[in-house]
Protein backbone atom coordinates (compact mmCIF):
# COMPACT_ATOMS: atom_id res chain seq x y z
CA MET A 1 -60.32 -16.17 -5.16
CA THR A 2 -60.17 -18.45 -8.20
CA GLY A 3 -58.60 -21.88 -7.83
CA SER A 4 -59.28 -21.46 -4.12
CA ALA A 5 -58.69 -25.13 -3.27
CA GLY A 6 -55.39 -25.34 -5.11
CA LEU A 7 -51.92 -24.85 -3.66
CA ILE A 8 -51.69 -21.06 -4.03
CA GLY A 9 -55.43 -20.49 -3.84
CA SER A 10 -55.83 -22.22 -0.48
CA GLU A 11 -52.79 -20.47 0.98
CA THR A 12 -54.12 -17.11 -0.20
CA THR A 13 -57.58 -17.91 1.14
CA ARG A 14 -56.20 -18.61 4.59
CA ARG A 15 -54.06 -15.46 4.57
CA PHE A 16 -56.90 -13.11 3.65
CA ALA A 17 -59.41 -14.86 5.91
CA ALA A 18 -56.98 -14.44 8.81
CA ALA A 19 -56.84 -10.72 8.00
CA GLY A 20 -60.61 -10.46 8.42
CA PHE A 21 -61.79 -10.75 4.82
CA THR A 22 -64.76 -12.73 3.59
CA VAL A 23 -63.25 -14.92 0.89
CA VAL A 24 -65.43 -16.12 -1.97
CA GLY A 25 -63.68 -19.10 -3.51
CA ILE A 26 -64.24 -20.36 -7.06
CA ASP A 27 -63.04 -23.92 -7.64
CA ASN A 28 -64.62 -26.83 -9.55
CA ASP A 29 -61.81 -29.41 -9.09
CA LEU A 30 -60.76 -29.50 -12.73
CA ARG A 31 -57.36 -30.60 -11.45
CA SER A 32 -58.76 -34.11 -10.97
CA HIS A 33 -59.83 -34.04 -14.63
CA PHE A 34 -56.35 -33.01 -15.71
CA PHE A 35 -54.29 -35.35 -13.54
CA GLY A 36 -56.60 -37.97 -11.99
CA GLN A 37 -58.28 -38.39 -8.62
CA SER A 38 -54.99 -38.43 -6.72
CA ALA A 39 -54.61 -34.76 -7.69
CA SER A 40 -58.13 -33.75 -6.61
CA THR A 41 -58.46 -30.52 -4.63
CA ILE A 42 -61.69 -31.59 -2.91
CA PRO A 43 -60.00 -32.52 0.42
CA THR A 44 -58.42 -29.05 0.58
CA ARG A 45 -61.74 -27.40 -0.23
CA GLN A 46 -63.45 -29.38 2.53
CA ARG A 47 -60.82 -28.29 5.05
CA LEU A 48 -61.29 -24.64 4.07
CA GLN A 49 -65.05 -24.92 4.52
CA LYS A 50 -64.63 -26.63 7.89
CA GLU A 51 -61.92 -24.38 9.30
CA LEU A 52 -62.76 -20.92 7.92
CA PRO A 53 -66.20 -19.52 8.84
CA SER A 54 -65.65 -16.56 6.50
CA TYR A 55 -65.03 -18.77 3.46
CA GLN A 56 -67.82 -19.03 0.88
CA HIS A 57 -67.36 -21.67 -1.80
CA ARG A 58 -68.68 -21.49 -5.37
CA GLU A 59 -68.28 -24.54 -7.59
CA GLN A 60 -68.22 -22.49 -10.78
CA ASP A 61 -66.32 -22.54 -14.06
CA ILE A 62 -64.51 -19.34 -15.03
CA ARG A 63 -65.46 -20.04 -18.64
CA ASP A 64 -69.14 -19.46 -17.80
CA VAL A 65 -69.71 -15.74 -18.39
CA ALA A 66 -73.28 -15.69 -17.05
CA GLU A 67 -72.32 -17.41 -13.78
CA LEU A 68 -69.43 -15.02 -13.23
CA ASP A 69 -71.61 -12.00 -13.94
CA ASP A 70 -74.20 -13.19 -11.41
CA LEU A 71 -71.50 -13.75 -8.79
CA PHE A 72 -69.77 -10.40 -9.28
CA SER A 73 -73.05 -8.50 -9.47
CA HIS A 74 -74.03 -9.97 -6.10
CA PHE A 75 -70.94 -8.60 -4.31
CA HIS A 76 -70.43 -5.64 -6.67
CA LYS A 77 -68.18 -2.90 -5.29
CA ASN A 78 -67.64 -4.73 -2.01
CA VAL A 79 -64.98 -6.74 -3.84
CA ARG A 80 -61.59 -5.34 -2.85
CA VAL A 81 -59.30 -7.83 -4.56
CA VAL A 82 -59.57 -10.55 -7.20
CA ILE A 83 -56.77 -13.10 -7.04
CA HIS A 84 -56.74 -15.40 -10.04
CA THR A 85 -54.87 -18.69 -9.61
CA ALA A 86 -57.24 -21.04 -11.47
CA ALA A 87 -55.57 -22.60 -14.50
CA GLN A 88 -54.78 -25.60 -16.60
CA PRO A 89 -51.16 -25.74 -15.38
CA SER A 90 -49.37 -28.36 -17.48
CA HIS A 91 -47.72 -27.85 -20.86
CA ASP A 92 -47.87 -31.62 -21.45
CA TRP A 93 -51.63 -31.78 -20.79
CA ALA A 94 -52.29 -28.71 -22.96
CA ALA A 95 -51.19 -30.60 -26.06
CA THR A 96 -53.89 -33.21 -25.44
CA ASP A 97 -56.70 -30.62 -25.55
CA PRO A 98 -55.56 -27.20 -26.81
CA ARG A 99 -59.10 -25.80 -26.92
CA ALA A 100 -59.74 -26.58 -23.27
CA ASP A 101 -56.34 -25.24 -22.26
CA PHE A 102 -56.84 -21.93 -24.06
CA SER A 103 -60.44 -21.49 -22.94
CA ILE A 104 -59.48 -21.99 -19.30
CA ASN A 105 -56.25 -20.01 -19.21
CA ALA A 106 -56.89 -17.20 -21.68
CA THR A 107 -60.66 -16.85 -22.10
CA GLY A 108 -61.30 -17.55 -18.42
CA THR A 109 -58.91 -14.72 -17.50
CA LEU A 110 -60.67 -12.38 -19.95
CA ASN A 111 -64.01 -13.25 -18.36
CA LEU A 112 -62.71 -12.41 -14.89
CA LEU A 113 -61.18 -9.13 -16.04
CA GLU A 114 -64.44 -8.09 -17.68
CA ALA A 115 -66.47 -9.01 -14.61
CA THR A 116 -64.07 -7.00 -12.45
CA ARG A 117 -64.14 -3.98 -14.78
CA LYS A 118 -67.94 -4.05 -14.93
CA HIS A 119 -68.76 -4.57 -11.26
CA CYS A 120 -65.75 -3.59 -9.13
CA PRO A 121 -63.25 -1.62 -11.26
CA ASP A 122 -61.40 -0.28 -8.21
CA ALA A 123 -60.54 -3.77 -6.99
CA VAL A 124 -56.95 -5.00 -7.19
CA PHE A 125 -56.50 -7.79 -9.76
CA ILE A 126 -53.62 -10.24 -9.15
CA PHE A 127 -52.81 -12.95 -11.69
CA THR A 128 -50.50 -15.94 -11.33
CA SER A 129 -48.69 -16.34 -14.63
CA THR A 130 -45.67 -18.53 -15.36
CA ASN A 131 -42.07 -18.45 -16.55
CA LYS A 132 -43.31 -20.39 -19.60
CA VAL A 133 -44.34 -17.03 -21.09
CA TYR A 134 -40.65 -16.69 -22.03
CA GLY A 135 -40.81 -19.86 -24.09
CA ASP A 136 -37.54 -21.73 -24.52
CA THR A 137 -35.49 -18.54 -24.87
CA PRO A 138 -33.65 -19.33 -21.59
CA ASN A 139 -32.22 -22.40 -23.35
CA ASN A 140 -30.14 -20.06 -25.51
CA LEU A 141 -28.15 -18.95 -22.47
CA PRO A 142 -24.46 -19.99 -22.51
CA LEU A 143 -24.95 -22.74 -19.96
CA VAL A 144 -22.03 -24.54 -18.35
CA GLU A 145 -22.34 -28.21 -17.36
CA LEU A 146 -21.31 -28.88 -13.77
CA ALA A 147 -21.30 -32.16 -11.84
CA THR A 148 -24.95 -31.99 -10.75
CA ARG A 149 -26.45 -29.07 -12.68
CA TRP A 150 -26.40 -26.71 -15.61
CA GLU A 151 -25.40 -23.21 -14.60
CA VAL A 152 -25.07 -19.68 -15.99
CA PRO A 153 -21.54 -18.19 -15.83
CA ASP A 154 -20.87 -15.90 -12.89
CA ASP A 155 -20.29 -12.87 -15.13
CA HIS A 156 -23.47 -13.27 -17.20
CA ARG A 157 -26.25 -10.66 -16.85
CA TYR A 158 -28.72 -13.39 -15.88
CA HIS A 159 -26.55 -15.11 -13.31
CA GLY A 160 -28.68 -13.55 -10.59
CA GLY A 161 -31.79 -14.82 -12.35
CA VAL A 162 -33.88 -13.98 -15.40
CA ASP A 163 -35.46 -10.55 -15.12
CA GLU A 164 -38.54 -9.11 -16.82
CA SER A 165 -36.55 -7.76 -19.77
CA MET A 166 -36.18 -11.18 -21.43
CA SER A 167 -38.07 -11.32 -24.74
CA ILE A 168 -41.13 -13.55 -25.07
CA ASP A 169 -40.88 -13.57 -28.89
CA GLN A 170 -39.34 -15.99 -31.41
CA SER A 171 -39.37 -19.02 -29.14
CA MET A 172 -41.24 -22.27 -28.53
CA HIS A 173 -43.65 -21.75 -25.65
CA SER A 174 -45.69 -24.96 -25.62
CA LEU A 175 -49.42 -24.51 -26.08
CA PHE A 176 -49.75 -23.97 -22.33
CA GLY A 177 -47.20 -21.17 -22.54
CA VAL A 178 -49.18 -19.52 -25.34
CA SER A 179 -52.45 -19.57 -23.39
CA LYS A 180 -50.69 -18.08 -20.37
CA VAL A 181 -49.01 -15.42 -22.53
CA ALA A 182 -52.44 -14.39 -23.80
CA ALA A 183 -53.78 -14.15 -20.25
CA ASP A 184 -50.65 -12.35 -19.07
CA LEU A 185 -50.97 -9.68 -21.77
CA LEU A 186 -54.70 -9.25 -21.13
CA VAL A 187 -54.03 -8.51 -17.45
CA GLN A 188 -51.37 -5.99 -18.41
CA GLU A 189 -53.61 -4.37 -21.01
CA TYR A 190 -56.58 -4.00 -18.67
CA GLY A 191 -54.20 -2.16 -16.38
CA ARG A 192 -52.78 0.14 -19.03
CA TYR A 193 -55.92 0.68 -21.12
CA PHE A 194 -58.53 0.90 -18.36
CA GLY A 195 -56.32 2.07 -15.48
CA MET A 196 -57.05 -0.99 -13.37
CA LYS A 197 -54.71 -2.01 -10.56
CA THR A 198 -53.32 -5.22 -12.01
CA ALA A 199 -50.27 -7.36 -11.35
CA VAL A 200 -48.84 -10.33 -13.21
CA PHE A 201 -46.61 -12.68 -11.22
CA CYS A 202 -44.58 -14.91 -13.56
CA GLY A 203 -43.76 -17.80 -11.28
CA GLY A 204 -41.04 -20.39 -11.37
CA CYS A 205 -41.99 -23.64 -9.62
CA LEU A 206 -44.59 -23.02 -6.93
CA THR A 207 -44.71 -25.54 -4.11
CA GLY A 208 -45.72 -26.32 -0.55
CA PRO A 209 -47.26 -29.04 1.61
CA ALA A 210 -50.77 -28.43 0.21
CA HIS A 211 -49.66 -29.23 -3.35
CA ALA A 212 -51.47 -32.16 -4.97
CA GLY A 213 -48.46 -33.07 -7.11
CA ALA A 214 -48.76 -35.16 -10.26
CA GLU A 215 -46.22 -36.29 -12.86
CA LEU A 216 -47.28 -33.58 -15.30
CA HIS A 217 -47.30 -30.81 -12.71
CA GLY A 218 -45.87 -30.21 -9.24
CA PHE A 219 -42.16 -30.98 -9.37
CA LEU A 220 -41.08 -31.16 -5.72
CA ALA A 221 -44.41 -32.38 -4.33
CA TYR A 222 -44.64 -35.26 -6.80
CA LEU A 223 -40.96 -36.13 -6.37
CA MET A 224 -41.33 -36.43 -2.61
CA LYS A 225 -44.59 -38.36 -2.93
CA CYS A 226 -42.85 -40.90 -5.16
CA THR A 227 -39.96 -41.17 -2.73
CA VAL A 228 -42.28 -41.83 0.23
CA THR A 229 -44.62 -44.24 -1.55
CA GLY A 230 -42.08 -46.09 -3.70
CA THR A 231 -43.73 -44.92 -6.92
CA ALA A 232 -41.43 -44.96 -9.95
CA TYR A 233 -40.30 -41.50 -11.08
CA ARG A 234 -39.12 -40.49 -14.55
CA VAL A 235 -36.55 -37.79 -15.28
CA PHE A 236 -36.89 -36.33 -18.77
CA GLY A 237 -33.76 -35.18 -20.58
CA TYR A 238 -30.87 -32.79 -19.94
CA LYS A 239 -29.01 -35.51 -17.95
CA GLY A 240 -31.21 -34.74 -14.95
CA LYS A 241 -29.22 -31.56 -14.44
CA GLN A 242 -32.01 -29.15 -15.39
CA VAL A 243 -32.39 -26.41 -12.78
CA ARG A 244 -35.57 -24.92 -11.33
CA ASP A 245 -36.10 -22.34 -8.67
CA ASN A 246 -38.89 -23.08 -6.22
CA ILE A 247 -40.94 -20.70 -4.11
CA HIS A 248 -43.03 -21.76 -1.13
CA SER A 249 -46.72 -20.90 -1.40
CA ARG A 250 -46.50 -18.74 1.74
CA ASP A 251 -43.69 -16.65 0.31
CA LEU A 252 -45.69 -16.10 -2.88
CA VAL A 253 -48.82 -15.16 -0.96
CA ASP A 254 -46.74 -12.71 1.07
CA ALA A 255 -45.89 -11.06 -2.26
CA PHE A 256 -49.60 -10.91 -3.17
CA TRP A 257 -50.32 -9.29 0.18
CA GLU A 258 -47.64 -6.63 -0.31
CA PHE A 259 -49.01 -5.73 -3.74
CA PHE A 260 -52.58 -5.62 -2.41
CA ARG A 261 -51.56 -3.19 0.31
CA ALA A 262 -49.84 -0.83 -2.15
CA PRO A 263 -51.16 -1.64 -5.65
CA GLN A 264 -49.86 -0.24 -8.91
CA ILE A 265 -51.05 -0.36 -12.51
CA ALA A 266 -50.02 -3.05 -15.02
CA LYS A 267 -47.05 -4.39 -13.11
CA VAL A 268 -45.16 -7.53 -14.16
CA TYR A 269 -42.88 -9.41 -11.80
CA ASN A 270 -40.79 -12.54 -12.16
CA ILE A 271 -41.25 -14.37 -8.88
CA GLY A 272 -39.71 -17.58 -7.63
CA GLY A 273 -37.10 -19.00 -5.32
CA GLY A 274 -34.41 -17.08 -7.18
CA ARG A 275 -30.88 -17.58 -6.02
CA HIS A 276 -32.25 -18.25 -2.54
CA ALA A 277 -33.97 -21.54 -3.44
CA ASN A 278 -33.16 -23.52 -6.57
CA CYS A 279 -32.00 -27.02 -7.41
CA SER A 280 -31.46 -29.47 -10.25
CA MET A 281 -33.40 -32.69 -10.63
CA ILE A 282 -30.42 -34.74 -9.43
CA GLU A 283 -29.93 -32.45 -6.43
CA ALA A 284 -33.65 -32.61 -5.55
CA ILE A 285 -33.63 -36.42 -5.72
CA GLY A 286 -30.69 -36.53 -3.33
CA MET A 287 -32.42 -34.23 -0.86
CA CYS A 288 -35.66 -36.23 -1.00
CA GLU A 289 -33.77 -39.46 -0.32
CA VAL A 290 -32.00 -37.93 2.68
CA ILE A 291 -35.22 -36.56 4.19
CA ALA A 292 -37.28 -39.69 3.51
CA GLY A 293 -34.48 -42.04 4.57
CA ARG A 294 -34.93 -44.28 1.53
CA PRO A 295 -33.90 -44.33 -2.15
CA LEU A 296 -36.16 -43.11 -4.94
CA ASP A 297 -36.99 -45.57 -7.73
CA TRP A 298 -36.21 -43.38 -10.73
CA THR A 299 -35.30 -43.85 -14.37
CA TYR A 300 -33.87 -41.53 -16.97
CA VAL A 301 -35.71 -40.84 -20.25
CA ASP A 302 -33.31 -39.50 -22.87
CA ARG A 303 -35.68 -36.94 -24.35
CA SER A 304 -36.71 -33.56 -23.03
CA ARG A 305 -40.21 -32.17 -23.01
CA ALA A 306 -40.95 -29.75 -25.85
CA GLY A 307 -40.29 -26.17 -24.78
CA ASP A 308 -38.95 -27.25 -21.38
CA HIS A 309 -36.31 -25.12 -19.70
CA ILE A 310 -32.79 -26.39 -19.09
CA TRP A 311 -32.16 -23.70 -16.49
CA TRP A 312 -34.51 -21.29 -14.80
CA VAL A 313 -33.83 -19.03 -11.86
CA SER A 314 -36.10 -16.01 -11.34
CA ASP A 315 -34.63 -12.57 -10.71
CA VAL A 316 -36.95 -11.26 -7.98
CA ARG A 317 -35.07 -8.01 -7.43
CA GLN A 318 -37.61 -5.82 -9.25
CA PHE A 319 -40.32 -6.90 -6.84
CA GLN A 320 -37.97 -6.43 -3.90
CA ARG A 321 -37.18 -2.90 -5.09
CA ASP A 322 -40.90 -2.05 -5.25
CA TYR A 323 -41.76 -3.90 -2.02
CA PRO A 324 -38.62 -3.97 0.17
CA ALA A 325 -40.44 -5.52 3.15
CA TRP A 326 -40.84 -8.79 1.23
CA ARG A 327 -38.27 -11.58 1.47
CA HIS A 328 -37.97 -15.36 1.16
CA HIS A 329 -38.53 -17.45 4.28
CA TYR A 330 -38.12 -20.95 2.80
CA GLY A 331 -35.15 -22.70 1.22
CA ILE A 332 -35.36 -25.98 -0.71
CA MET A 333 -34.72 -28.23 2.30
CA GLU A 334 -37.33 -26.44 4.41
CA MET A 335 -39.89 -26.85 1.63
CA LEU A 336 -39.08 -30.53 1.17
CA ARG A 337 -39.31 -31.25 4.90
CA GLU A 338 -42.80 -29.74 5.01
CA ILE A 339 -43.85 -31.66 1.90
CA HIS A 340 -42.44 -34.87 3.39
CA ALA A 341 -44.41 -34.35 6.60
CA ALA A 342 -47.58 -33.80 4.58
CA CYS A 343 -46.91 -36.98 2.58
CA VAL A 344 -46.26 -39.07 5.69
CA ASP A 345 -49.28 -37.74 7.55
CA GLY A 346 -51.64 -37.55 4.55
CA PRO A 347 -54.81 -39.66 4.51
CA GLY A 348 -54.62 -42.87 2.53
CA VAL A 349 -50.89 -42.66 1.85
CA GLN A 350 -49.34 -46.08 1.35
CA HIS A 351 -45.72 -45.96 2.45
CA ALA A 352 -43.01 -48.00 0.79
CA GLY A 353 -41.24 -50.57 2.89
């Protein structure tokens, strides 16, 4: 389990540990390097170690081939599934250090695939990719401006969400998007070329109460944290009407579990809140203010981030066709209430008056 102390990693760790698995977690808290100490995953890692007797932690770097080879050779064919969530997750941060971004996201994924192929080729390999692999192509959709959001017309083929047929070519991806595209294609290719059981999940916004949100990554978690603490929040471009779908970490991990139970080869799925759970920035601010019972101190910056999406809703119907037992359990308000509770109860949180 790479990125085991992160949002999705910790949720996955708990799910598989509860099912009786020994979970070997790889996490070296690079998130604090990317976004500062407030985004550190160490508290989550400590809780996993305290609460899960079957959890074994390894503070390793997925860029270190020798360390990975030693780890995989130790467990060898006892490994039943490799779930890869470790990443540099911000397209803004990637531009500050493109070499680090690519080495973590692309080369790190290659290292894990090779270790899996060498030591446990029958294991299932699940990779968390991103909707940024599509670049800014979604911005070419014929969007309609409504009072609080941009929206796709009802009769458009993507009104139900963007499916896996959208092209990834001829678009601006951001450097982060490029490194994730490379990783995404590697996971697919190891499935097709070597017959490995691999899946790529191209996520929208992933969220939940365990998310260590920061301005450059973690939309709903950071928005609620700012609302609770009185921290100033900045909205970048598109009149604050840009739309994102959001999926709760538990719903995503449920999807991982379904694929693990009935794996296929080289599958690609768009996964997110879909039409079940999506909101614009303005809508999300309003919901945070209602739940927190206080206004958010926010300002508008009249420039959008390079390669950022104006509108993104995932079409999850391909996954639902392959795994009909899976469904969403969380809407936006349910997610925000959980995040709010985590913010209010979190250690060291200074609440605004």
